[in-house]
Structures are given as C-alpha cells and as structure tokens.
C-alpha cells in the first residue's frame, strides 16, 4: 500500500521552476505530480516527449504554449491530452499560487 497527499511534496522544493515527483511507474506508463513554483518571468523549456501526455491542473492557473504558436489557458480542474512530439511549454503561471499538475505519460492511441 502506498499513501500520499497531492498537496505535499517529498522532493526538495526549489525557489523557481518545476519540481517533479513520480507517483507510479510501469513499463508503459509514468504518472507524476508536478509543481511549478512561483510566477515564471520567462517561458519554460520546450518539451518534445516520446509518449502522449494527459495533464490536469489541480491548483493555480497557467498558459501553455505550443510549437505552432497556439496558446491554451489552463484553470484549476482543466485537463488536456498532448500527443507525443507536440512541442509545448509553460508560458505563464499564477502570480501568488503554485501550480500543481498531474501528468500521465503513455501510448493513448
């Protein structure tokens, strides 16, 4: 049995940027919790992932930017499926609230 709390992190918190914590990992799936700390002053790095990603914003608000210049605003409770190799990054986050995300990586076809 494994027990945890979505709002507490066991990984060392950093001042600005992102903290990743693996919640479950198998041969075909990775389920992680991500915390974006503090307001981003510049866009985050581009992600170009091998697997599809289902991502849900649990706390805060954010704007994701995609390689095709499309922007999607994410509010608490919103989720999105990002296909493999769809370049994306976090462009903006909440000013006063850390963003907490859940992300599931796998082959969703």
PDB file of N, CA and C in Angstrom:
ATOM      1  N   UNK A   1       0.843  -1.168   0.000  1.00  0.00           N
ATOM      2  CA  UNK A   1       0.000   0.000   0.000  1.00  0.00           C
ATOM      3  C   UNK A   1       0.899   1.246   0.000  1.00  0.00           C
ATOM      4  N   UNK A   2       0.500   2.224  -0.796  1.00  0.00           N
ATOM      5  CA  UNK A   2       1.221   3.492  -0.861  1.00  0.00           C
ATOM      6  C   UNK A   2       0.230   4.599  -0.563  1.00  0.00           C
ATOM      7  N   UNK A   3       0.623   5.522   0.286  1.00  0.00           N
ATOM      8  CA  UNK A   3      -0.247   6.632   0.653  1.00  0.00           C
ATOM      9  C   UNK A   3       0.495   7.940   0.440  1.00  0.00           C
ATOM     10  N   UNK A   4      -0.222   8.973  -0.001  1.00  0.00           N
ATOM     11  CA  UNK A   4       0.398  10.271  -0.208  1.00  0.00           C
ATOM     12  C   UNK A   4      -0.645  11.370  -0.172  1.00  0.00           C
ATOM     13  N   UNK A   5      -0.189  12.575  -0.419  1.00  0.00           N
ATOM     14  CA  UNK A   5      -1.065  13.737  -0.452  1.00  0.00           C
ATOM     15  C   UNK A   5      -0.652  14.590  -1.641  1.00  0.00           C
ATOM     16  N   UNK A   6      -1.612  14.911  -2.482  1.00  0.00           N
ATOM     17  CA  UNK A   6      -1.334  15.636  -3.727  1.00  0.00           C
ATOM     18  C   UNK A   6      -0.752  17.031  -3.465  1.00  0.00           C
ATOM     19  N   UNK A   7      -1.006  17.589  -2.294  1.00  0.00           N
ATOM     20  CA  UNK A   7      -0.556  18.945  -1.987  1.00  0.00           C
ATOM     21  C   UNK A   7       0.763  18.999  -1.228  1.00  0.00           C
ATOM     22  N   UNK A   8       1.329  17.841  -0.908  1.00  0.00           N
ATOM     23  CA  UNK A   8       2.623  17.790  -0.225  1.00  0.00           C
ATOM     24  C   UNK A   8       3.635  17.123  -1.135  1.00  0.00           C
ATOM     25  N   UNK A   9       4.854  17.630  -1.108  1.00  0.00           N
ATOM     26  CA  UNK A   9       5.909  17.095  -1.957  1.00  0.00           C
ATOM     27  C   UNK A   9       7.004  16.484  -1.107  1.00  0.00           C
ATOM     28  N   UNK A  10       7.450  15.303  -1.511  1.00  0.00           N
ATOM     29  CA  UNK A  10       8.561  14.668  -0.813  1.00  0.00           C
ATOM     30  C   UNK A  10       9.893  15.108  -1.419  1.00  0.00           C
ATOM     31  N   UNK A  11       9.860  15.573  -2.661  1.00  0.00           N
ATOM     32  CA  UNK A  11      11.083  16.058  -3.307  1.00  0.00           C
ATOM     33  C   UNK A  11      11.427  17.443  -2.768  1.00  0.00           C
ATOM     34  N   UNK A  12      12.712  17.793  -2.819  1.00  0.00           N
ATOM     35  CA  UNK A  12      13.149  19.109  -2.355  1.00  0.00           C
ATOM     36  C   UNK A  12      12.545  20.195  -3.235  1.00  0.00           C
ATOM     37  N   UNK A  13      11.901  21.159  -2.605  1.00  0.00           N
ATOM     38  CA  UNK A  13      11.277  22.271  -3.315  1.00  0.00           C
ATOM     39  C   UNK A  13      12.353  23.267  -3.754  1.00  0.00           C
ATOM     40  N   UNK A  14      12.201  23.768  -4.976  1.00  0.00           N
ATOM     41  CA  UNK A  14      13.132  24.776  -5.468  1.00  0.00           C
ATOM     42  C   UNK A  14      12.429  26.129  -5.471  1.00  0.00           C
ATOM     43  N   UNK A  15      13.196  27.205  -5.484  1.00  0.00           N
ATOM     44  CA  UNK A  15      12.644  28.564  -5.401  1.00  0.00           C
ATOM     45  C   UNK A  15      11.755  28.906  -6.598  1.00  0.00           C
ATOM     46  N   UNK A  16      12.257  28.682  -7.793  1.00  0.00           N
ATOM     47  CA  UNK A  16      11.507  28.945  -9.023  1.00  0.00           C
ATOM     48  C   UNK A  16      11.719  27.778  -9.966  1.00  0.00           C
ATOM     49  N   UNK A  17      10.734  27.526 -10.797  1.00  0.00           N
ATOM     50  CA  UNK A  17      10.850  26.427 -11.749  1.00  0.00           C
ATOM     51  C   UNK A  17       9.893  25.303 -11.410  1.00  0.00           C
ATOM     52  N   UNK A  18      10.288  24.070 -11.735  1.00  0.00           N
ATOM     53  CA  UNK A  18       9.385  22.943 -11.556  1.00  0.00           C
ATOM     54  C   UNK A  18      10.025  21.826 -10.740  1.00  0.00           C
ATOM     55  N   UNK A  19       9.194  21.190  -9.920  1.00  0.00           N
ATOM     56  CA  UNK A  19       9.582  20.015  -9.160  1.00  0.00           C
ATOM     57  C   UNK A  19       8.727  18.851  -9.648  1.00  0.00           C
ATOM     58  N   UNK A  20       9.357  17.719  -9.947  1.00  0.00           N
ATOM     59  CA  UNK A  20       8.665  16.530 -10.446  1.00  0.00           C
ATOM     60  C   UNK A  20       8.748  15.430  -9.388  1.00  0.00           C
ATOM     61  N   UNK A  21       7.634  14.738  -9.171  1.00  0.00           N
ATOM     62  CA  UNK A  21       7.617  13.610  -8.249  1.00  0.00           C
ATOM     63  C   UNK A  21       6.872  12.449  -8.916  1.00  0.00           C
ATOM     64  N   UNK A  22       7.546  11.318  -9.067  1.00  0.00           N
ATOM     65  CA  UNK A  22       6.920  10.138  -9.662  1.00  0.00           C
ATOM     66  C   UNK A  22       5.986   9.498  -8.651  1.00  0.00           C
ATOM     67  N   UNK A  23       4.733   9.299  -9.060  1.00  0.00           N
ATOM     68  CA  UNK A  23       3.740   8.650  -8.210  1.00  0.00           C
ATOM     69  C   UNK A  23       3.592   7.175  -8.555  1.00  0.00           C
ATOM     70  N   UNK A  24       3.744   6.843  -9.846  1.00  0.00           N
ATOM     71  CA  UNK A  24       3.602   5.466 -10.302  1.00  0.00           C
ATOM     72  C   UNK A  24       4.378   5.317 -11.601  1.00  0.00           C
ATOM     73  N   UNK A  25       5.083   4.216 -11.725  1.00  0.00           N
ATOM     74  CA  UNK A  25       5.845   3.974 -12.947  1.00  0.00           C
ATOM     75  C   UNK A  25       5.759   2.494 -13.290  1.00  0.00           C
ATOM     76  N   UNK A  26       5.487   2.206 -14.562  1.00  0.00           N
ATOM     77  CA  UNK A  26       5.499   0.839 -15.066  1.00  0.00           C
ATOM     78  C   UNK A  26       6.257   0.836 -16.391  1.00  0.00           C
ATOM     79  N   UNK A  27       6.273  -0.308 -17.073  1.00  0.00           N
ATOM     80  CA  UNK A  27       6.967  -0.376 -18.363  1.00  0.00           C
ATOM     81  C   UNK A  27       6.352   0.553 -19.395  1.00  0.00           C
ATOM     82  N   UNK A  28       5.029   0.775 -19.305  1.00  0.00           N
ATOM     83  CA  UNK A  28       4.355   1.552 -20.350  1.00  0.00           C
ATOM     84  C   UNK A  28       3.764   2.881 -19.874  1.00  0.00           C
ATOM     85  N   UNK A  29       3.741   3.130 -18.561  1.00  0.00           N
ATOM     86  CA  UNK A  29       3.131   4.358 -18.039  1.00  0.00           C
ATOM     87  C   UNK A  29       4.020   5.052 -17.015  1.00  0.00           C
ATOM     88  N   UNK A  30       3.921   6.373 -16.998  1.00  0.00           N
ATOM     89  CA  UNK A  30       4.545   7.187 -15.955  1.00  0.00           C
ATOM     90  C   UNK A  30       3.477   8.162 -15.470  1.00  0.00           C
ATOM     91  N   UNK A  31       3.203   8.154 -14.172  1.00  0.00           N
ATOM     92  CA  UNK A  31       2.236   9.070 -13.569  1.00  0.00           C
ATOM     93  C   UNK A  31       3.012   9.929 -12.587  1.00  0.00           C
ATOM     94  N   UNK A  32       2.948  11.247 -12.786  1.00  0.00           N
ATOM     95  CA  UNK A  32       3.739  12.125 -11.936  1.00  0.00           C
ATOM     96  C   UNK A  32       2.949  13.339 -11.485  1.00  0.00           C
ATOM     97  N   UNK A  33       3.441  13.906 -10.413  1.00  0.00           N
ATOM     98  CA  UNK A  33       2.924  15.155  -9.857  1.00  0.00           C
ATOM     99  C   UNK A  33       3.994  16.208 -10.131  1.00  0.00           C
ATOM    100  N   UNK A  34       3.567  17.360 -10.597  1.00  0.00           N
ATOM    101  CA  UNK A  34       4.498  18.440 -10.936  1.00  0.00           C
ATOM    102  C   UNK A  34       4.048  19.693 -10.200  1.00  0.00           C
ATOM    103  N   UNK A  35       4.986  20.408  -9.612  1.00  0.00           N
ATOM    104  CA  UNK A  35       4.671  21.693  -9.005  1.00  0.00           C
ATOM    105  C   UNK A  35       5.504  22.765  -9.699  1.00  0.00           C
ATOM    106  N   UNK A  36       4.821  23.779 -10.214  1.00  0.00           N
ATOM    107  CA  UNK A  36       5.500  24.938 -10.787  1.00  0.00           C
ATOM    108  C   UNK A  36       5.531  25.998  -9.696  1.00  0.00           C
ATOM    109  N   UNK A  37       6.720  26.363  -9.268  1.00  0.00           N
ATOM    110  CA  UNK A  37       6.904  27.270  -8.143  1.00  0.00           C
ATOM    111  C   UNK A  37       7.064  28.702  -8.607  1.00  0.00           C
ATOM    112  N   UNK A  38       6.239  29.579  -8.101  1.00  0.00           N
ATOM    113  CA  UNK A  38       6.389  30.995  -8.374  1.00  0.00           C
ATOM    114  C   UNK A  38       6.038  31.355  -9.807  1.00  0.00           C
ATOM    115  N   UNK A  39       5.773  32.609 -10.010  1.00  0.00           N
ATOM    116  CA  UNK A  39       5.422  33.109 -11.340  1.00  0.00           C
ATOM    117  C   UNK A  39       6.636  33.013 -12.253  1.00  0.00           C
ATOM    118  N   UNK A  40       6.417  32.531 -13.471  1.00  0.00           N
ATOM    119  CA  UNK A  40       7.505  32.463 -14.440  1.00  0.00           C
ATOM    120  C   UNK A  40       7.778  33.841 -15.008  1.00  0.00           C
ATOM    121  N   UNK A  41       9.017  34.243 -15.017  1.00  0.00           N
ATOM    122  CA  UNK A  41       9.394  35.532 -15.606  1.00  0.00           C
ATOM    123  C   UNK A  41       9.718  35.386 -17.081  1.00  0.00           C
ATOM    124  N   UNK A  42      10.004  34.163 -17.484  1.00  0.00           N
ATOM    125  CA  UNK A  42      10.234  33.860 -18.895  1.00  0.00           C
ATOM    126  C   UNK A  42       9.678  32.459 -19.151  1.00  0.00           C
ATOM    127  N   UNK A  43       9.358  32.142 -20.389  1.00  0.00           N
ATOM    128  CA  UNK A  43       8.769  30.836 -20.686  1.00  0.00           C
ATOM    129  C   UNK A  43       9.668  29.684 -20.247  1.00  0.00           C
ATOM    130  N   UNK A  44       9.036  28.588 -19.889  1.00  0.00           N
ATOM    131  CA  UNK A  44       9.775  27.382 -19.542  1.00  0.00           C
ATOM    132  C   UNK A  44      10.402  26.740 -20.762  1.00  0.00           C
ATOM    133  N   UNK A  45      11.183  25.682 -20.534  1.00  0.00           N
ATOM    134  CA  UNK A  45      11.840  24.995 -21.650  1.00  0.00           C
ATOM    135  C   UNK A  45      10.811  24.248 -22.480  1.00  0.00           C
ATOM    136  N   UNK A  46      11.153  23.986 -23.728  1.00  0.00           N
ATOM    137  CA  UNK A  46      10.275  23.237 -24.624  1.00  0.00           C
ATOM    138  C   UNK A  46      10.357  21.752 -24.279  1.00  0.00           C
ATOM    139  N   UNK A  47       9.210  21.097 -24.259  1.00  0.00           N
ATOM    140  CA  UNK A  47       9.138  19.657 -24.092  1.00  0.00           C
ATOM    141  C   UNK A  47       8.758  19.038 -25.439  1.00  0.00           C
ATOM    142  N   UNK A  48       9.444  17.980 -25.800  1.00  0.00           N
ATOM    143  CA  UNK A  48       9.160  17.208 -27.016  1.00  0.00           C
ATOM    144  C   UNK A  48       9.256  15.746 -26.597  1.00  0.00           C
ATOM    145  N   UNK A  49       8.145  15.210 -26.099  1.00  0.00           N
ATOM    146  CA  UNK A  49       8.159  13.934 -25.409  1.00  0.00           C
ATOM    147  C   UNK A  49       7.867  12.748 -26.322  1.00  0.00           C
ATOM    148  N   UNK A  50       8.445  11.616 -25.979  1.00  0.00           N
ATOM    149  CA  UNK A  50       8.286  10.378 -26.734  1.00  0.00           C
ATOM    150  C   UNK A  50       6.879   9.792 -26.604  1.00  0.00           C
ATOM    151  N   UNK A  51       6.198  10.071 -25.501  1.00  0.00           N
ATOM    152  CA  UNK A  51       4.883   9.484 -25.212  1.00  0.00           C
ATOM    153  C   UNK A  51       3.804  10.569 -25.218  1.00  0.00           C
ATOM    154  N   UNK A  52       2.546  10.142 -25.391  1.00  0.00           N
ATOM    155  CA  UNK A  52       1.412  11.044 -25.213  1.00  0.00           C
ATOM    156  C   UNK A  52       1.374  11.457 -23.738  1.00  0.00           C
ATOM    157  N   UNK A  53       0.785  12.627 -23.474  1.00  0.00           N
ATOM    158  CA  UNK A  53       0.692  13.104 -22.096  1.00  0.00           C
ATOM    159  C   UNK A  53      -0.719  13.608 -21.805  1.00  0.00           C
ATOM    160  N   UNK A  54      -1.315  13.059 -20.760  1.00  0.00           N
ATOM    161  CA  UNK A  54      -2.565  13.593 -20.202  1.00  0.00           C
ATOM    162  C   UNK A  54      -2.128  14.432 -19.017  1.00  0.00           C
ATOM    163  N   UNK A  55      -2.521  15.701 -19.020  1.00  0.00           N
ATOM    164  CA  UNK A  55      -2.113  16.592 -17.934  1.00  0.00           C
ATOM    165  C   UNK A  55      -3.343  17.312 -17.390  1.00  0.00           C
ATOM    166  N   UNK A  56      -3.416  17.421 -16.049  1.00  0.00           N
ATOM    167  CA  UNK A  56      -4.508  18.129 -15.393  1.00  0.00           C
ATOM    168  C   UNK A  56      -3.932  19.121 -14.391  1.00  0.00           C
ATOM    169  N   UNK A  57      -4.494  20.323 -14.405  1.00  0.00           N
ATOM    170  CA  UNK A  57      -4.091  21.343 -13.446  1.00  0.00           C
ATOM    171  C   UNK A  57      -4.984  21.214 -12.210  1.00  0.00           C
ATOM    172  N   UNK A  58      -4.376  20.877 -11.090  1.00  0.00           N
ATOM    173  CA  UNK A  58      -5.095  20.661  -9.833  1.00  0.00           C
ATOM    174  C   UNK A  58      -5.238  21.963  -9.054  1.00  0.00           C
ATOM    175  N   UNK A  59      -4.235  22.828  -9.163  1.00  0.00           N
ATOM    176  CA  UNK A  59      -4.228  24.095  -8.414  1.00  0.00           C
ATOM    177  C   UNK A  59      -3.554  25.164  -9.247  1.00  0.00           C
ATOM    178  N   UNK A  60      -4.070  26.388  -9.173  1.00  0.00           N
ATOM    179  CA  UNK A  60      -3.469  27.514  -9.866  1.00  0.00           C
ATOM    180  C   UNK A  60      -4.078  27.733 -11.238  1.00  0.00           C
ATOM    181  N   UNK A  61      -3.377  28.537 -12.030  1.00  0.00           N
ATOM    182  CA  UNK A  61      -3.750  28.734 -13.428  1.00  0.00           C
ATOM    183  C   UNK A  61      -2.473  28.919 -14.227  1.00  0.00           C
ATOM    184  N   UNK A  62      -2.558  28.572 -15.507  1.00  0.00           N
ATOM    185  CA  UNK A  62      -1.361  28.603 -16.345  1.00  0.00           C
ATOM    186  C   UNK A  62      -1.753  28.769 -17.801  1.00  0.00           C
ATOM    187  N   UNK A  63      -0.781  29.183 -18.590  1.00  0.00           N
ATOM    188  CA  UNK A  63      -0.942  29.229 -20.040  1.00  0.00           C
ATOM    189  C   UNK A  63       0.145  28.342 -20.638  1.00  0.00           C
ATOM    190  N   UNK A  64      -0.287  27.381 -21.460  1.00  0.00           N
ATOM    191  CA  UNK A  64       0.646  26.533 -22.189  1.00  0.00           C
ATOM    192  C   UNK A  64       0.807  27.084 -23.596  1.00  0.00           C
ATOM    193  N   UNK A  65       2.025  27.013 -24.101  1.00  0.00           N
ATOM    194  CA  UNK A  65       2.319  27.433 -25.475  1.00  0.00           C
ATOM    195  C   UNK A  65       2.801  26.214 -26.243  1.00  0.00           C
ATOM    196  N   UNK A  66       2.374  26.128 -27.495  1.00  0.00           N
ATOM    197  CA  UNK A  66       2.757  25.015 -28.348  1.00  0.00           C
ATOM    198  C   UNK A  66       3.649  25.505 -29.478  1.00  0.00           C
ATOM    199  N   UNK A  67       4.394  24.584 -30.073  1.00  0.00           N
ATOM    200  CA  UNK A  67       5.341  24.914 -31.135  1.00  0.00           C
ATOM    201  C   UNK A  67       4.709  25.615 -32.315  1.00  0.00           C
ATOM    202  N   UNK A  68       3.405  25.413 -32.514  1.00  0.00           N
ATOM    203  CA  UNK A  68       2.706  26.087 -33.614  1.00  0.00           C
ATOM    204  C   UNK A  68       2.165  27.459 -33.196  1.00  0.00           C
ATOM    205  N   UNK A  69       2.629  27.970 -32.060  1.00  0.00           N
ATOM    206  CA  UNK A  69       2.280  29.292 -31.503  1.00  0.00           C
ATOM    207  C   UNK A  69       0.888  29.341 -30.865  1.00  0.00           C
ATOM    208  N   UNK A  70       0.181  28.202 -30.805  1.00  0.00           N
ATOM    209  CA  UNK A  70      -1.129  28.154 -30.162  1.00  0.00           C
ATOM    210  C   UNK A  70      -0.946  28.232 -28.646  1.00  0.00           C
ATOM    211  N   UNK A  71      -1.864  28.929 -27.985  1.00  0.00           N
ATOM    212  CA  UNK A  71      -1.851  29.060 -26.532  1.00  0.00           C
ATOM    213  C   UNK A  71      -3.140  28.481 -25.962  1.00  0.00           C
ATOM    214  N   UNK A  72      -3.018  27.792 -24.825  1.00  0.00           N
ATOM    215  CA  UNK A  72      -4.187  27.271 -24.126  1.00  0.00           C
ATOM    216  C   UNK A  72      -4.094  27.698 -22.674  1.00  0.00           C
ATOM    217  N   UNK A  73      -5.145  28.383 -22.195  1.00  0.00           N
ATOM    218  CA  UNK A  73      -5.207  28.759 -20.790  1.00  0.00           C
ATOM    219  C   UNK A  73      -5.762  27.578 -20.007  1.00  0.00           C
ATOM    220  N   UNK A  74      -5.084  27.232 -18.929  1.00  0.00           N
ATOM    221  CA  UNK A  74      -5.492  26.130 -18.067  1.00  0.00           C
ATOM    222  C   UNK A  74      -5.919  26.705 -16.720  1.00  0.00           C
ATOM    223  N   UNK A  75      -7.119  26.317 -16.281  1.00  0.00           N
ATOM    224  CA  UNK A  75      -7.631  26.704 -14.975  1.00  0.00           C
ATOM    225  C   UNK A  75      -7.751  25.458 -14.106  1.00  0.00           C
ATOM    226  N   UNK A  76      -7.846  25.638 -12.819  1.00  0.00           N
ATOM    227  CA  UNK A  76      -7.968  24.530 -11.879  1.00  0.00           C
ATOM    228  C   UNK A  76      -9.040  23.547 -12.356  1.00  0.00           C
ATOM    229  N   UNK A  77      -8.661  22.286 -12.489  1.00  0.00           N
ATOM    230  CA  UNK A  77      -9.582  21.240 -12.929  1.00  0.00           C
ATOM    231  C   UNK A  77      -9.515  20.934 -14.415  1.00  0.00           C
ATOM    232  N   UNK A  78      -8.899  21.804 -15.207  1.00  0.00           N
ATOM    233  CA  UNK A  78      -8.789  21.563 -16.650  1.00  0.00           C
ATOM    234  C   UNK A  78      -7.777  20.454 -16.934  1.00  0.00           C
ATOM    235  N   UNK A  79      -8.072  19.648 -17.951  1.00  0.00           N
ATOM    236  CA  UNK A  79      -7.108  18.645 -18.398  1.00  0.00           C
ATOM    237  C   UNK A  79      -6.998  18.681 -19.914  1.00  0.00           C
ATOM    238  N   UNK A  80      -5.932  18.081 -20.408  1.00  0.00           N
ATOM    239  CA  UNK A  80      -5.583  18.153 -21.820  1.00  0.00           C
ATOM    240  C   UNK A  80      -4.778  16.911 -22.182  1.00  0.00           C
ATOM    241  N   UNK A  81      -4.993  16.385 -23.369  1.00  0.00           N
ATOM    242  CA  UNK A  81      -4.135  15.315 -23.878  1.00  0.00           C
ATOM    243  C   UNK A  81      -3.224  15.919 -24.947  1.00  0.00           C
ATOM    244  N   UNK A  82      -1.929  15.801 -24.712  1.00  0.00           N
ATOM    245  CA  UNK A  82      -0.925  16.343 -25.630  1.00  0.00           C
ATOM    246  C   UNK A  82      -0.282  15.157 -26.356  1.00  0.00           C
ATOM    247  N   UNK A  83      -0.425  15.089 -27.680  1.00  0.00           N
ATOM    248  CA  UNK A  83       0.161  13.965 -28.428  1.00  0.00           C
ATOM    249  C   UNK A  83       1.694  13.942 -28.321  1.00  0.00           C
ATOM    250  N   UNK A  84       2.252  12.762 -28.464  1.00  0.00           N
ATOM    251  CA  UNK A  84       3.708  12.610 -28.475  1.00  0.00           C
ATOM    252  C   UNK A  84       4.316  13.548 -29.521  1.00  0.00           C
ATOM    253  N   UNK A  85       5.447  14.113 -29.196  1.00  0.00           N
ATOM    254  CA  UNK A  85       6.232  15.001 -30.055  1.00  0.00           C
ATOM    255  C   UNK A  85       5.527  16.312 -30.404  1.00  0.00           C
ATOM    256  N   UNK A  86       4.490  16.682 -29.669  1.00  0.00           N
ATOM    257  CA  UNK A  86       3.867  18.007 -29.825  1.00  0.00           C
ATOM    258  C   UNK A  86       4.637  18.947 -28.891  1.00  0.00           C
ATOM    259  N   UNK A  87       5.492  19.789 -29.482  1.00  0.00           N
ATOM    260  CA  UNK A  87       6.311  20.691 -28.675  1.00  0.00           C
ATOM    261  C   UNK A  87       5.422  21.605 -27.847  1.00  0.00           C
ATOM    262  N   UNK A  88       5.737  21.714 -26.542  1.00  0.00           N
ATOM    263  CA  UNK A  88       4.955  22.567 -25.655  1.00  0.00           C
ATOM    264  C   UNK A  88       5.814  23.030 -24.481  1.00  0.00           C
ATOM    265  N   UNK A  89       5.325  24.085 -23.828  1.00  0.00           N
ATOM    266  CA  UNK A  89       5.999  24.590 -22.640  1.00  0.00           C
ATOM    267  C   UNK A  89       5.016  25.415 -21.822  1.00  0.00           C
ATOM    268  N   UNK A  90       5.384  25.655 -20.570  1.00  0.00           N
ATOM    269  CA  UNK A  90       4.592  26.525 -19.705  1.00  0.00           C
ATOM    270  C   UNK A  90       5.038  27.952 -19.985  1.00  0.00           C
ATOM    271  N   UNK A  91       4.103  28.773 -20.426  1.00  0.00           N
ATOM    272  CA  UNK A  91       4.409  30.155 -20.774  1.00  0.00           C
ATOM    273  C   UNK A  91       4.237  31.076 -19.569  1.00  0.00           C
ATOM    274  N   UNK A  92       3.121  30.915 -18.848  1.00  0.00           N
ATOM    275  CA  UNK A  92       2.832  31.743 -17.670  1.00  0.00           C
ATOM    276  C   UNK A  92       2.160  30.893 -16.611  1.00  0.00           C
ATOM    277  N   UNK A  93       2.320  31.305 -15.341  1.00  0.00           N
ATOM    278  CA  UNK A  93       1.640  30.646 -14.237  1.00  0.00           C
ATOM    279  C   UNK A  93       1.066  31.687 -13.286  1.00  0.00           C
ATOM    280  N   UNK A  94       0.298  31.208 -12.334  1.00  0.00           N
ATOM    281  CA  UNK A  94      -0.310  32.062 -11.312  1.00  0.00           C
ATOM    282  C   UNK A  94       0.737  32.945 -10.641  1.00  0.00           C
ATOM    283  N   UNK A  95       0.320  34.146 -10.268  1.00  0.00           N
ATOM    284  CA  UNK A  95       1.239  35.055  -9.583  1.00  0.00           C
ATOM    285  C   UNK A  95       1.461  34.655  -8.135  1.00  0.00           C
ATOM    286  N   UNK A  96       0.404  34.300  -7.428  1.00  0.00           N
ATOM    287  CA  UNK A  96       0.501  34.093  -5.981  1.00  0.00           C
ATOM    288  C   UNK A  96       0.279  32.654  -5.540  1.00  0.00           C
ATOM    289  N   UNK A  97       0.054  31.747  -6.464  1.00  0.00           N
ATOM    290  CA  UNK A  97      -0.251  30.360  -6.124  1.00  0.00           C
ATOM    291  C   UNK A  97       0.616  29.431  -6.965  1.00  0.00           C
ATOM    292  N   UNK A  98       1.270  28.488  -6.303  1.00  0.00           N
ATOM    293  CA  UNK A  98       2.000  27.464  -7.055  1.00  0.00           C
ATOM    294  C   UNK A  98       1.008  26.644  -7.862  1.00  0.00           C
ATOM    295  N   UNK A  99       1.416  26.222  -9.031  1.00  0.00           N
ATOM    296  CA  UNK A  99       0.587  25.327  -9.847  1.00  0.00           C
ATOM    297  C   UNK A  99       0.936  23.889  -9.482  1.00  0.00           C
ATOM    298  N   UNK A 100      -0.098  23.084  -9.304  1.00  0.00           N
ATOM    299  CA  UNK A 100       0.096  21.656  -9.088  1.00  0.00           C
ATOM    300  C   UNK A 100      -0.579  20.941 -10.246  1.00  0.00           C
ATOM    301  N   UNK A 101       0.182  20.072 -10.895  1.00  0.00           N
ATOM    302  CA  UNK A 101      -0.267  19.330 -12.066  1.00  0.00           C
ATOM    303  C   UNK A 101      -0.200  17.833 -11.783  1.00  0.00           C
ATOM    304  N   UNK A 102      -1.079  17.065 -12.419  1.00  0.00           N
ATOM    305  CA  UNK A 102      -0.942  15.622 -12.512  1.00  0.00           C
ATOM    306  C   UNK A 102      -0.702  15.302 -13.974  1.00  0.00           C
ATOM    307  N   UNK A 103       0.237  14.424 -14.255  1.00  0.00           N
ATOM    308  CA  UNK A 103       0.564  14.085 -15.636  1.00  0.00           C
ATOM    309  C   UNK A 103       0.711  12.576 -15.779  1.00  0.00           C
ATOM    310  N   UNK A 104       0.064  12.039 -16.794  1.00  0.00           N
ATOM    311  CA  UNK A 104       0.151  10.622 -17.115  1.00  0.00           C
ATOM    312  C   UNK A 104       0.752  10.515 -18.517  1.00  0.00           C
ATOM    313  N   UNK A 105       1.868   9.806 -18.622  1.00  0.00           N
ATOM    314  CA  UNK A 105       2.566   9.624 -19.893  1.00  0.00           C
ATOM    315  C   UNK A 105       2.404   8.181 -20.350  1.00  0.00           C
ATOM    316  N   UNK A 106       2.018   7.997 -21.610  1.00  0.00           N
ATOM    317  CA  UNK A 106       1.853   6.647 -22.149  1.00  0.00           C
ATOM    318  C   UNK A 106       1.441   6.705 -23.607  1.00  0.00           C
ATOM    319  N   UNK A 107       1.051   5.572 -24.138  1.00  0.00           N
ATOM    320  CA  UNK A 107       0.580   5.488 -25.522  1.00  0.00           C
ATOM    321  C   UNK A 107      -0.943   5.417 -25.469  1.00  0.00           C
ATOM    322  N   UNK A 108      -1.620   6.496 -25.855  1.00  0.00           N
ATOM    323  CA  UNK A 108      -3.086   6.584 -25.721  1.00  0.00           C
ATOM    324  C   UNK A 108      -3.817   6.354 -27.030  1.00  0.00           C
ATOM    325  N   UNK A 109      -3.172   5.819 -28.024  1.00  0.00           N
ATOM    326  CA  UNK A 109      -3.812   5.595 -29.313  1.00  0.00           C
ATOM    327  C   UNK A 109      -4.664   4.361 -29.280  1.00  0.00           C
TER     328      UNK A 109
END
